[in-house]
Amino acid sequence: GRGMVVRVAESLQLPLRERNALLLSAGY
């Protein structure tokens, strides 16, 4: 889910730009 993608991105300490890219890769 979208919330899980955000949690995973935060846990990986990704920069905001890369968090957006991860969301896009999941279809969000």
PDB file of all heavy atoms in Angstrom:
ATOM      1  N   GLY A   1       0.837  -1.193   0.000  1.00  0.00           N
ATOM      2  CA  GLY A   1       0.000   0.000   0.000  1.00  0.00           C
ATOM      3  C   GLY A   1       0.874   1.245   0.000  1.00  0.00           C
ATOM      4  O   GLY A   1       2.083   1.180   0.265  1.00  0.00           O
ATOM      5  N   ARG A   2       0.260   2.367  -0.269  1.00  0.00           N
ATOM      6  CA  ARG A   2       1.011   3.629  -0.316  1.00  0.00           C
ATOM      7  C   ARG A   2       1.728   3.903   1.012  1.00  0.00           C
ATOM      8  O   ARG A   2       2.889   4.301   1.034  1.00  0.00           O
ATOM      9  CB  ARG A   2       0.056   4.771  -0.647  1.00  0.00           C
ATOM     10  CG  ARG A   2       0.734   6.132  -0.799  1.00  0.00           C
ATOM     11  CD  ARG A   2      -0.296   7.252  -0.955  1.00  0.00           C
ATOM     12  NE  ARG A   2       0.369   8.496  -1.246  1.00  0.00           N
ATOM     13  CZ  ARG A   2       0.652   8.919  -2.470  1.00  0.00           C
ATOM     14  NH1 ARG A   2       0.330   8.174  -3.510  1.00  0.00           N
ATOM     15  NH2 ARG A   2       1.271  10.061  -2.663  1.00  0.00           N
ATOM     16  N   GLY A   3       1.028   3.663   2.131  1.00  0.00           N
ATOM     17  CA  GLY A   3       1.623   3.906   3.439  1.00  0.00           C
ATOM     18  C   GLY A   3       2.850   3.049   3.678  1.00  0.00           C
ATOM     19  O   GLY A   3       3.839   3.504   4.267  1.00  0.00           O
ATOM     20  N   MET A   4       2.814   1.793   3.227  1.00  0.00           N
ATOM     21  CA  MET A   4       3.960   0.910   3.396  1.00  0.00           C
ATOM     22  C   MET A   4       5.146   1.397   2.570  1.00  0.00           C
ATOM     23  O   MET A   4       6.292   1.362   3.029  1.00  0.00           O
ATOM     24  CB  MET A   4       3.584  -0.517   3.003  1.00  0.00           C
ATOM     25  CG  MET A   4       4.749  -1.509   3.043  1.00  0.00           C
ATOM     26  SD  MET A   4       5.582  -1.563   4.668  1.00  0.00           S
ATOM     27  CE  MET A   4       4.293  -2.325   5.675  1.00  0.00           C
ATOM     28  N   VAL A   5       4.889   1.873   1.365  1.00  0.00           N
ATOM     29  CA  VAL A   5       5.982   2.382   0.523  1.00  0.00           C
ATOM     30  C   VAL A   5       6.648   3.581   1.204  1.00  0.00           C
ATOM     31  O   VAL A   5       7.876   3.681   1.252  1.00  0.00           O
ATOM     32  CB  VAL A   5       5.469   2.791  -0.877  1.00  0.00           C
ATOM     33  CG1 VAL A   5       6.607   3.401  -1.706  1.00  0.00           C
ATOM     34  CG2 VAL A   5       4.885   1.585  -1.604  1.00  0.00           C
ATOM     35  N   VAL A   6       5.827   4.464   1.775  1.00  0.00           N
ATOM     36  CA  VAL A   6       6.376   5.638   2.465  1.00  0.00           C
ATOM     37  C   VAL A   6       7.189   5.201   3.684  1.00  0.00           C
ATOM     38  O   VAL A   6       8.283   5.713   3.935  1.00  0.00           O
ATOM     39  CB  VAL A   6       5.241   6.598   2.893  1.00  0.00           C
ATOM     40  CG1 VAL A   6       5.789   7.714   3.787  1.00  0.00           C
ATOM     41  CG2 VAL A   6       4.579   7.207   1.662  1.00  0.00           C
ATOM     42  N   ARG A   7       6.671   4.226   4.451  1.00  0.00           N
ATOM     43  CA  ARG A   7       7.387   3.744   5.642  1.00  0.00           C
ATOM     44  C   ARG A   7       8.717   3.111   5.258  1.00  0.00           C
ATOM     45  O   ARG A   7       9.743   3.321   5.920  1.00  0.00           O
ATOM     46  CB  ARG A   7       6.536   2.734   6.407  1.00  0.00           C
ATOM     47  CG  ARG A   7       5.329   3.320   7.089  1.00  0.00           C
ATOM     48  CD  ARG A   7       5.011   2.655   8.419  1.00  0.00           C
ATOM     49  NE  ARG A   7       4.997   1.206   8.370  1.00  0.00           N
ATOM     50  CZ  ARG A   7       3.925   0.458   8.081  1.00  0.00           C
ATOM     51  NH1 ARG A   7       2.783   1.046   7.757  1.00  0.00           N
ATOM     52  NH2 ARG A   7       3.990  -0.850   8.107  1.00  0.00           N
ATOM     53  N   VAL A   8       8.705   2.326   4.198  1.00  0.00           N
ATOM     54  CA  VAL A   8       9.940   1.679   3.749  1.00  0.00           C
ATOM     55  C   VAL A   8      10.948   2.728   3.294  1.00  0.00           C
ATOM     56  O   VAL A   8      12.143   2.647   3.621  1.00  0.00           O
ATOM     57  CB  VAL A   8       9.638   0.685   2.601  1.00  0.00           C
ATOM     58  CG1 VAL A   8      10.920   0.266   1.911  1.00  0.00           C
ATOM     59  CG2 VAL A   8       8.927  -0.546   3.154  1.00  0.00           C
ATOM     60  N   ALA A   9      10.484   3.738   2.550  1.00  0.00           N
ATOM     61  CA  ALA A   9      11.374   4.792   2.070  1.00  0.00           C
ATOM     62  C   ALA A   9      11.997   5.554   3.237  1.00  0.00           C
ATOM     63  O   ALA A   9      13.191   5.876   3.224  1.00  0.00           O
ATOM     64  CB  ALA A   9      10.612   5.752   1.156  1.00  0.00           C
ATOM     65  N   GLU A  10      11.181   5.834   4.253  1.00  0.00           N
ATOM     66  CA  GLU A  10      11.700   6.518   5.449  1.00  0.00           C
ATOM     67  C   GLU A  10      12.703   5.638   6.183  1.00  0.00           C
ATOM     68  O   GLU A  10      13.742   6.110   6.657  1.00  0.00           O
ATOM     69  CB  GLU A  10      10.550   6.888   6.376  1.00  0.00           C
ATOM     70  CG  GLU A  10       9.646   7.985   5.830  1.00  0.00           C
ATOM     71  CD  GLU A  10       8.449   8.240   6.716  1.00  0.00           C
ATOM     72  OE1 GLU A  10       8.176   7.397   7.612  1.00  0.00           O
ATOM     73  OE2 GLU A  10       7.776   9.270   6.525  1.00  0.00           O
ATOM     74  N   SER A  11      12.401   4.351   6.276  1.00  0.00           N
ATOM     75  CA  SER A  11      13.289   3.415   6.970  1.00  0.00           C
ATOM     76  C   SER A  11      14.634   3.287   6.260  1.00  0.00           C
ATOM     77  O   SER A  11      15.664   3.057   6.896  1.00  0.00           O
ATOM     78  CB  SER A  11      12.625   2.037   7.085  1.00  0.00           C
ATOM     79  OG  SER A  11      11.416   2.112   7.800  1.00  0.00           O
ATOM     80  N   LEU A  12      14.617   3.433   4.944  1.00  0.00           N
ATOM     81  CA  LEU A  12      15.860   3.381   4.156  1.00  0.00           C
ATOM     82  C   LEU A  12      16.580   4.717   4.144  1.00  0.00           C
ATOM     83  O   LEU A  12      17.665   4.836   3.582  1.00  0.00           O
ATOM     84  CB  LEU A  12      15.536   2.962   2.719  1.00  0.00           C
ATOM     85  CG  LEU A  12      15.098   1.510   2.519  1.00  0.00           C
ATOM     86  CD1 LEU A  12      14.524   1.314   1.117  1.00  0.00           C
ATOM     87  CD2 LEU A  12      16.282   0.563   2.743  1.00  0.00           C
ATOM     88  N   GLN A  13      15.960   5.740   4.768  1.00  0.00           N
ATOM     89  CA  GLN A  13      16.524   7.089   4.836  1.00  0.00           C
ATOM     90  C   GLN A  13      16.819   7.635   3.431  1.00  0.00           C
ATOM     91  O   GLN A  13      17.868   8.228   3.184  1.00  0.00           O
ATOM     92  CB  GLN A  13      17.789   7.109   5.702  1.00  0.00           C
ATOM     93  CG  GLN A  13      17.538   6.712   7.151  1.00  0.00           C
ATOM     94  CD  GLN A  13      18.785   6.779   8.007  1.00  0.00           C
ATOM     95  OE1 GLN A  13      19.887   6.501   7.551  1.00  0.00           O
ATOM     96  NE2 GLN A  13      18.616   7.151   9.262  1.00  0.00           N
ATOM     97  N   LEU A  14      15.857   7.457   2.545  1.00  0.00           N
ATOM     98  CA  LEU A  14      16.028   7.943   1.186  1.00  0.00           C
ATOM     99  C   LEU A  14      15.812   9.455   1.131  1.00  0.00           C
ATOM    100  O   LEU A  14      14.945   9.990   1.843  1.00  0.00           O
ATOM    101  CB  LEU A  14      15.029   7.272   0.242  1.00  0.00           C
ATOM    102  CG  LEU A  14      15.091   5.747   0.106  1.00  0.00           C
ATOM    103  CD1 LEU A  14      14.154   5.296  -1.012  1.00  0.00           C
ATOM    104  CD2 LEU A  14      16.505   5.277  -0.172  1.00  0.00           C
ATOM    105  N   PRO A  15      16.551  10.166   0.279  1.00  0.00           N
ATOM    106  CA  PRO A  15      16.247  11.576   0.025  1.00  0.00           C
ATOM    107  C   PRO A  15      14.832  11.689  -0.527  1.00  0.00           C
ATOM    108  O   PRO A  15      14.293  10.742  -1.112  1.00  0.00           O
ATOM    109  CB  PRO A  15      17.298  11.976  -1.026  1.00  0.00           C
ATOM    110  CG  PRO A  15      18.392  10.971  -0.876  1.00  0.00           C
ATOM    111  CD  PRO A  15      17.723   9.688  -0.470  1.00  0.00           C
ATOM    112  N   LEU A  16      14.224  12.861  -0.374  1.00  0.00           N
ATOM    113  CA  LEU A  16      12.838  13.031  -0.805  1.00  0.00           C
ATOM    114  C   LEU A  16      12.650  12.724  -2.288  1.00  0.00           C
ATOM    115  O   LEU A  16      11.647  12.133  -2.685  1.00  0.00           O
ATOM    116  CB  LEU A  16      12.363  14.459  -0.511  1.00  0.00           C
ATOM    117  CG  LEU A  16      12.345  14.898   0.956  1.00  0.00           C
ATOM    118  CD1 LEU A  16      11.632  16.235   1.091  1.00  0.00           C
ATOM    119  CD2 LEU A  16      11.686  13.855   1.850  1.00  0.00           C
ATOM    120  N   ARG A  17      13.613  13.113  -3.104  1.00  0.00           N
ATOM    121  CA  ARG A  17      13.519  12.841  -4.541  1.00  0.00           C
ATOM    122  C   ARG A  17      13.434  11.336  -4.800  1.00  0.00           C
ATOM    123  O   ARG A  17      12.657  10.875  -5.640  1.00  0.00           O
ATOM    124  CB  ARG A  17      14.731  13.436  -5.264  1.00  0.00           C
ATOM    125  CG  ARG A  17      14.704  13.261  -6.787  1.00  0.00           C
ATOM    126  CD  ARG A  17      15.949  13.884  -7.400  1.00  0.00           C
ATOM    127  NE  ARG A  17      16.011  15.302  -7.148  1.00  0.00           N
ATOM    128  CZ  ARG A  17      15.372  16.210  -7.878  1.00  0.00           C
ATOM    129  NH1 ARG A  17      14.629  15.835  -8.900  1.00  0.00           N
ATOM    130  NH2 ARG A  17      15.498  17.506  -7.598  1.00  0.00           N
ATOM    131  N   GLU A  18      14.234  10.560  -4.070  1.00  0.00           N
ATOM    132  CA  GLU A  18      14.242   9.112  -4.264  1.00  0.00           C
ATOM    133  C   GLU A  18      12.988   8.457  -3.672  1.00  0.00           C
ATOM    134  O   GLU A  18      12.540   7.419  -4.141  1.00  0.00           O
ATOM    135  CB  GLU A  18      15.502   8.502  -3.646  1.00  0.00           C
ATOM    136  CG  GLU A  18      16.803   9.213  -4.008  1.00  0.00           C
ATOM    137  CD  GLU A  18      16.953   9.434  -5.503  1.00  0.00           C
ATOM    138  OE1 GLU A  18      16.504   8.584  -6.283  1.00  0.00           O
ATOM    139  OE2 GLU A  18      17.518  10.470  -5.895  1.00  0.00           O
ATOM    140  N   ARG A  19      12.410   9.081  -2.641  1.00  0.00           N
ATOM    141  CA  ARG A  19      11.148   8.562  -2.092  1.00  0.00           C
ATOM    142  C   ARG A  19      10.039   8.696  -3.131  1.00  0.00           C
ATOM    143  O   ARG A  19       9.212   7.795  -3.299  1.00  0.00           O
ATOM    144  CB  ARG A  19      10.775   9.314  -0.811  1.00  0.00           C
ATOM    145  CG  ARG A  19      11.776   9.109   0.318  1.00  0.00           C
ATOM    146  CD  ARG A  19      11.318   9.782   1.607  1.00  0.00           C
ATOM    147  NE  ARG A  19      12.410   9.810   2.570  1.00  0.00           N
ATOM    148  CZ  ARG A  19      12.289  10.192   3.846  1.00  0.00           C
ATOM    149  NH1 ARG A  19      11.100  10.568   4.298  1.00  0.00           N
ATOM    150  NH2 ARG A  19      13.332  10.200   4.653  1.00  0.00           N
ATOM    151  N   ASN A  20      10.027   9.839  -3.819  1.00  0.00           N
ATOM    152  CA  ASN A  20       9.045  10.021  -4.886  1.00  0.00           C
ATOM    153  C   ASN A  20       9.218   8.971  -5.984  1.00  0.00           C
ATOM    154  O   ASN A  20       8.239   8.425  -6.508  1.00  0.00           O
ATOM    155  CB  ASN A  20       9.179  11.417  -5.494  1.00  0.00           C
ATOM    156  CG  ASN A  20       8.450  12.476  -4.688  1.00  0.00           C
ATOM    157  OD1 ASN A  20       7.612  12.168  -3.844  1.00  0.00           O
ATOM    158  ND2 ASN A  20       8.764  13.733  -4.939  1.00  0.00           N
ATOM    159  N   ALA A  21      10.474   8.698  -6.335  1.00  0.00           N
ATOM    160  CA  ALA A  21      10.744   7.712  -7.383  1.00  0.00           C
ATOM    161  C   ALA A  21      10.274   6.318  -6.953  1.00  0.00           C
ATOM    162  O   ALA A  21       9.747   5.553  -7.763  1.00  0.00           O
ATOM    163  CB  ALA A  21      12.242   7.685  -7.707  1.00  0.00           C
ATOM    164  N   LEU A  22      10.458   5.995  -5.669  1.00  0.00           N
ATOM    165  CA  LEU A  22      10.024   4.692  -5.175  1.00  0.00           C
ATOM    166  C   LEU A  22       8.495   4.592  -5.215  1.00  0.00           C
ATOM    167  O   LEU A  22       7.946   3.535  -5.566  1.00  0.00           O
ATOM    168  CB  LEU A  22      10.541   4.472  -3.751  1.00  0.00           C
ATOM    169  CG  LEU A  22      10.498   3.026  -3.229  1.00  0.00           C
ATOM    170  CD1 LEU A  22      11.394   2.124  -4.064  1.00  0.00           C
ATOM    171  CD2 LEU A  22      10.921   2.965  -1.763  1.00  0.00           C
ATOM    172  N   LEU A  23       7.817   5.673  -4.870  1.00  0.00           N
ATOM    173  CA  LEU A  23       6.360   5.691  -4.948  1.00  0.00           C
ATOM    174  C   LEU A  23       5.890   5.480  -6.390  1.00  0.00           C
ATOM    175  O   LEU A  23       4.959   4.718  -6.649  1.00  0.00           O
ATOM    176  CB  LEU A  23       5.821   7.024  -4.414  1.00  0.00           C
ATOM    177  CG  LEU A  23       5.758   7.155  -2.883  1.00  0.00           C
ATOM    178  CD1 LEU A  23       5.643   8.614  -2.483  1.00  0.00           C
ATOM    179  CD2 LEU A  23       4.574   6.368  -2.329  1.00  0.00           C
ATOM    180  N   LEU A  24       6.539   6.144  -7.328  1.00  0.00           N
ATOM    181  CA  LEU A  24       6.173   5.996  -8.736  1.00  0.00           C
ATOM    182  C   LEU A  24       6.369   4.557  -9.210  1.00  0.00           C
ATOM    183  O   LEU A  24       5.550   4.020  -9.963  1.00  0.00           O
ATOM    184  CB  LEU A  24       7.011   6.947  -9.597  1.00  0.00           C
ATOM    185  CG  LEU A  24       6.579   8.420  -9.587  1.00  0.00           C
ATOM    186  CD1 LEU A  24       7.638   9.280 -10.278  1.00  0.00           C
ATOM    187  CD2 LEU A  24       5.232   8.592 -10.267  1.00  0.00           C
ATOM    188  N   SER A  25       7.460   3.928  -8.746  1.00  0.00           N
ATOM    189  CA  SER A  25       7.727   2.555  -9.170  1.00  0.00           C
ATOM    190  C   SER A  25       6.661   1.588  -8.655  1.00  0.00           C
ATOM    191  O   SER A  25       6.447   0.520  -9.224  1.00  0.00           O
ATOM    192  CB  SER A  25       9.115   2.102  -8.677  1.00  0.00           C
ATOM    193  OG  SER A  25       9.131   1.888  -7.268  1.00  0.00           O
ATOM    194  N   ALA A  26       5.976   1.994  -7.560  1.00  0.00           N
ATOM    195  CA  ALA A  26       4.916   1.153  -6.993  1.00  0.00           C
ATOM    196  C   ALA A  26       3.547   1.526  -7.557  1.00  0.00           C
ATOM    197  O   ALA A  26       2.533   0.943  -7.164  1.00  0.00           O
ATOM    198  CB  ALA A  26       4.901   1.280  -5.477  1.00  0.00           C
ATOM    199  N   GLY A  27       3.516   2.522  -8.458  1.00  0.00           N
ATOM    200  CA  GLY A  27       2.261   2.916  -9.084  1.00  0.00           C
ATOM    201  C   GLY A  27       1.521   4.023  -8.375  1.00  0.00           C
ATOM    202  O   GLY A  27       0.333   4.258  -8.654  1.00  0.00           O
ATOM    203  N   TYR A  28       2.201   4.747  -7.458  1.00  0.00           N
ATOM    204  CA  TYR A  28       1.560   5.835  -6.720  1.00  0.00           C
ATOM    205  C   TYR A  28       2.134   7.183  -7.140  1.00  0.00           C
ATOM    206  O   TYR A  28       3.300   7.286  -7.535  1.00  0.00           O
ATOM    207  CB  TYR A  28       1.748   5.653  -5.214  1.00  0.00           C
ATOM    208  CG  TYR A  28       1.150   4.377  -4.688  1.00  0.00           C
ATOM    209  CD1 TYR A  28       1.971   3.325  -4.277  1.00  0.00           C
ATOM    210  CD2 TYR A  28      -0.228   4.221  -4.591  1.00  0.00           C
ATOM    211  CE1 TYR A  28       1.423   2.144  -3.794  1.00  0.00           C
ATOM    212  CE2 TYR A  28      -0.781   3.036  -4.112  1.00  0.00           C
ATOM    213  CZ  TYR A  28       0.048   2.011  -3.722  1.00  0.00           C
ATOM    214  OH  TYR A  28      -0.490   0.838  -3.249  1.00  0.00           O
TER     215      TYR A  28
END
